[in-house]
Amino acid sequence: MGTARSQPLEMSNEFDDWTEEDFDNEIKRLQACIRELQARKVEREEEEDDDEDFMNDPDIREMVENGEHTCHMFDAHCQACEDDEDED
């Protein structure tokens, strides 16, 4: 077995000189950052939801029902593209 240490290791870090107030301020700063990031996440999720609502647009729905291509509008495969692939 190894030898037992008589003294703990001396470790130093960047927080050694911090006061209680410094820690409290850092916690508040980080909490504010978290709130801001959560707000941005909600905004992004809302934007993504808006992008998915295009099928509720009556003009686009009519185009899809008529078999017209909508891929040029959304830069993605559309139902007409998929139907064309199925025919081939």
C-alpha atoms as a PDB file:
ATOM      1  CA  MET A   1       0.000   0.000   0.000  1.00  0.00           C
ATOM      2  CA  GLY A   2       1.021   3.589  -0.502  1.00  0.00           C
ATOM      3  CA  THR A   3       2.087   5.999   2.147  1.00  0.00           C
ATOM      4  CA  ALA A   4      -0.453   8.255   3.812  1.00  0.00           C
ATOM      5  CA  ARG A   5      -0.041  11.972   3.333  1.00  0.00           C
ATOM      6  CA  SER A   6       0.319  13.945   6.477  1.00  0.00           C
ATOM      7  CA  GLN A   7      -0.735  17.219   4.835  1.00  0.00           C
ATOM      8  CA  PRO A   8      -3.409  17.884   2.212  1.00  0.00           C
ATOM      9  CA  LEU A   9      -2.366  19.031  -1.238  1.00  0.00           C
ATOM     10  CA  GLU A  10      -2.183  22.774  -1.597  1.00  0.00           C
ATOM     11  CA  MET A  11      -4.368  23.804  -4.493  1.00  0.00           C
ATOM     12  CA  SER A  12      -4.871  27.280  -5.786  1.00  0.00           C
ATOM     13  CA  ASN A  13      -7.424  28.609  -8.210  1.00  0.00           C
ATOM     14  CA  GLU A  14      -8.673  31.867  -9.636  1.00  0.00           C
ATOM     15  CA  PHE A  15     -11.301  32.211  -6.908  1.00  0.00           C
ATOM     16  CA  ASP A  16      -8.893  32.317  -3.992  1.00  0.00           C
ATOM     17  CA  ASP A  17      -9.072  36.093  -3.682  1.00  0.00           C
ATOM     18  CA  TRP A  18     -12.822  36.401  -4.259  1.00  0.00           C
ATOM     19  CA  THR A  19     -15.031  37.802  -1.551  1.00  0.00           C
ATOM     20  CA  GLU A  20     -18.567  36.697  -0.756  1.00  0.00           C
ATOM     21  CA  GLU A  21     -19.767  39.751  -2.674  1.00  0.00           C
ATOM     22  CA  ASP A  22     -17.675  38.738  -5.708  1.00  0.00           C
ATOM     23  CA  PHE A  23     -19.338  35.313  -5.707  1.00  0.00           C
ATOM     24  CA  ASP A  24     -22.803  36.842  -5.337  1.00  0.00           C
ATOM     25  CA  ASN A  25     -22.148  39.224  -8.244  1.00  0.00           C
ATOM     26  CA  GLU A  26     -20.879  36.406 -10.440  1.00  0.00           C
ATOM     27  CA  ILE A  27     -23.931  34.294  -9.635  1.00  0.00           C
ATOM     28  CA  LYS A  28     -26.222  37.202 -10.542  1.00  0.00           C
ATOM     29  CA  ARG A  29     -24.312  37.771 -13.795  1.00  0.00           C
ATOM     30  CA  LEU A  30     -24.580  34.112 -14.758  1.00  0.00           C
ATOM     31  CA  GLN A  31     -28.289  33.988 -13.889  1.00  0.00           C
ATOM     32  CA  ALA A  32     -28.864  37.014 -16.143  1.00  0.00           C
ATOM     33  CA  CYS A  33     -26.986  35.227 -18.950  1.00  0.00           C
ATOM     34  CA  ILE A  34     -29.161  32.146 -18.487  1.00  0.00           C
ATOM     35  CA  ARG A  35     -32.349  34.230 -18.651  1.00  0.00           C
ATOM     36  CA  GLU A  36     -31.159  35.913 -21.851  1.00  0.00           C
ATOM     37  CA  LEU A  37     -30.232  32.591 -23.465  1.00  0.00           C
ATOM     38  CA  GLN A  38     -33.584  31.084 -22.492  1.00  0.00           C
ATOM     39  CA  ALA A  39     -35.372  34.079 -24.033  1.00  0.00           C
ATOM     40  CA  ARG A  40     -33.386  33.634 -27.249  1.00  0.00           C
ATOM     41  CA  LYS A  41     -34.246  29.938 -27.281  1.00  0.00           C
ATOM     42  CA  VAL A  42     -37.957  30.741 -26.972  1.00  0.00           C
ATOM     43  CA  GLU A  43     -37.672  33.282 -29.806  1.00  0.00           C
ATOM     44  CA  ARG A  44     -35.954  30.700 -32.032  1.00  0.00           C
ATOM     45  CA  GLU A  45     -38.601  28.095 -31.242  1.00  0.00           C
ATOM     46  CA  GLU A  46     -41.334  30.605 -32.122  1.00  0.00           C
ATOM     47  CA  GLU A  47     -39.581  31.426 -35.408  1.00  0.00           C
ATOM     48  CA  GLU A  48     -39.336  27.716 -36.222  1.00  0.00           C
ATOM     49  CA  ASP A  49     -43.034  27.309 -35.460  1.00  0.00           C
ATOM     50  CA  ASP A  50     -43.814  30.228 -37.796  1.00  0.00           C
ATOM     51  CA  ASP A  51     -41.855  28.533 -40.578  1.00  0.00           C
ATOM     52  CA  GLU A  52     -43.956  25.398 -40.172  1.00  0.00           C
ATOM     53  CA  ASP A  53     -47.226  27.341 -40.399  1.00  0.00           C
ATOM     54  CA  PHE A  54     -46.843  28.002 -44.136  1.00  0.00           C
ATOM     55  CA  MET A  55     -49.241  25.155 -44.871  1.00  0.00           C
ATOM     56  CA  ASN A  56     -51.986  27.186 -43.223  1.00  0.00           C
ATOM     57  CA  ASP A  57     -51.623  29.801 -45.968  1.00  0.00           C
ATOM     58  CA  PRO A  58     -54.608  29.249 -48.297  1.00  0.00           C
ATOM     59  CA  ASP A  59     -52.624  30.125 -51.446  1.00  0.00           C
ATOM     60  CA  ILE A  60     -49.907  27.615 -50.647  1.00  0.00           C
ATOM     61  CA  ARG A  61     -52.445  24.977 -49.647  1.00  0.00           C
ATOM     62  CA  GLU A  62     -54.169  25.471 -53.011  1.00  0.00           C
ATOM     63  CA  MET A  63     -50.859  25.113 -54.861  1.00  0.00           C
ATOM     64  CA  VAL A  64     -50.138  21.844 -53.043  1.00  0.00           C
ATOM     65  CA  GLU A  65     -53.629  20.530 -53.690  1.00  0.00           C
ATOM     66  CA  ASN A  66     -53.208  21.360 -57.400  1.00  0.00           C
ATOM     67  CA  GLY A  67     -49.900  19.472 -57.496  1.00  0.00           C
ATOM     68  CA  GLU A  68     -47.873  22.622 -58.136  1.00  0.00           C
ATOM     69  CA  HIS A  69     -44.259  22.872 -57.055  1.00  0.00           C
ATOM     70  CA  THR A  70     -43.634  25.009 -53.963  1.00  0.00           C
ATOM     71  CA  CYS A  71     -39.979  24.013 -53.613  1.00  0.00           C
ATOM     72  CA  HIS A  72     -38.797  27.238 -55.261  1.00  0.00           C
ATOM     73  CA  MET A  73     -40.520  29.173 -52.480  1.00  0.00           C
ATOM     74  CA  PHE A  74     -39.032  27.246 -49.553  1.00  0.00           C
ATOM     75  CA  ASP A  75     -35.758  25.885 -50.914  1.00  0.00           C
ATOM     76  CA  ALA A  76     -36.764  22.324 -50.078  1.00  0.00           C
ATOM     77  CA  HIS A  77     -38.482  19.346 -51.671  1.00  0.00           C
ATOM     78  CA  CYS A  78     -42.216  19.791 -51.883  1.00  0.00           C
ATOM     79  CA  GLN A  79     -45.083  17.336 -52.223  1.00  0.00           C
ATOM     80  CA  ALA A  80     -45.011  17.731 -56.021  1.00  0.00           C
ATOM     81  CA  CYS A  81     -41.309  16.785 -56.042  1.00  0.00           C
ATOM     82  CA  GLU A  82     -42.070  13.684 -54.000  1.00  0.00           C
ATOM     83  CA  ASP A  83     -44.949  12.793 -56.305  1.00  0.00           C
ATOM     84  CA  ASP A  84     -42.665  13.210 -59.338  1.00  0.00           C
ATOM     85  CA  GLU A  85     -40.110  10.867 -57.743  1.00  0.00           C
ATOM     86  CA  ASP A  86     -42.824   8.300 -57.032  1.00  0.00           C
ATOM     87  CA  GLU A  87     -43.898   8.365 -60.700  1.00  0.00           C
ATOM     88  CA  ASP A  88     -40.339   7.635 -61.876  1.00  0.00           C
END
